[in-house]
Amino acid sequence: MALKSTIDLTCNDYISNFEFDVFTRLFQPWATLLRNWQILAVTHPGYVAFLTYDEVKARLQRYSNKAGSYVFRLSCTRLGQWAIGYVTGDGEILQTIPQNKSLIQALLDGYREGFYLYPDGRPVNPDLSWAVQPSHEDHISVTQEQYELYCEMGSTFQLCKICAENDKDVRIEPCGHLLCTPCLTAWQAGSEGQGSQGCPFCRAEIKGTEQIVVDPFDPRKSHQRIKPGAPGAALSGAVAAAAAVDDDDLDMEVRNNGGLLGDSGASPQGEGDKGTAEEVAPSSGNDYDE
């Protein structure tokens, strides 16, 4: 019954596909979905369910002299994401939305950094370290065709095409586009709301991210290429097609001149639609939800 009441966001005694999707995003990863729900929504003293921004602020006001007090709730403006309210060292009450990590990981990181110490003002903070699974990074190998194509442009496949500084280390799901973590964080936490537009390349909805490692191509280990018309040339072409470079990525490479986000955080594909959001994601734990 408790599980049903958590999933049934509209309280109409019916679980829709949309509500189930929101639930799975909140209590990810899938392999430990029910366990995460029990840890966070059933037993954790910091869970305040459906409180609003103002209600959380009022609740934490009583702990304004106890820095590190915190509660977490379902975000009202970004379904499928959490909002964490906490008291800072100077008694200010801030609310943030964790980005690119599960709530359990965000609470652990916040505890280590001294932000989330007392759930709802209580002296004992549950130890969640046992509930975090070690991440297994997926390796992506650069093909010879990709290596040669990017060499012709004076670049590399593994270089992030937004900042042109860092290597790609995260994959957006489900579209599969690659970029670096700092650029993804900056994109999602953009001051003008462009993070709500989805993937910075194709604008598809971001349903998740996965850490990856791009293994560069080593030309010293490459085999002699098959010449056109030679036996096996057709097979080589098929392999090249299967490993074709992302068109969006190439387009970014052609248009990139020193980074596309720039100092203003502009959209890689132009200004786009602009909006505002009640909640913003922090980069260091000190940004706040207005």
Foldseek 3Di string as FASTA:
>chain_A
DQVVVQLPPVPPSDHDPVSVLLLCLQQDDPVCSVVSCCVQVPPFLQEDEPDAPVRQQVLCLVVLVPAQEKHKYQYPFDRSWIKMWTHHPNSDIFIATDPQDHPLVVLVVCVVVSHHQHRSNHNDGDDSPVVDDDADAAEAEDDPVQQVVVVVLVAHLQQFLAQSPDGWFKFFPPVGDTGHPVLLQCCLQAQFRNNCQDDLQPSPHGSHMGTHHYDYDDPVPDDDDDDPPDPCPVVVVVVCVVNDDDPSSVVSSVPDDRGQCPPNRARNVGNPDTDHTQHGHDPPPPDGGD
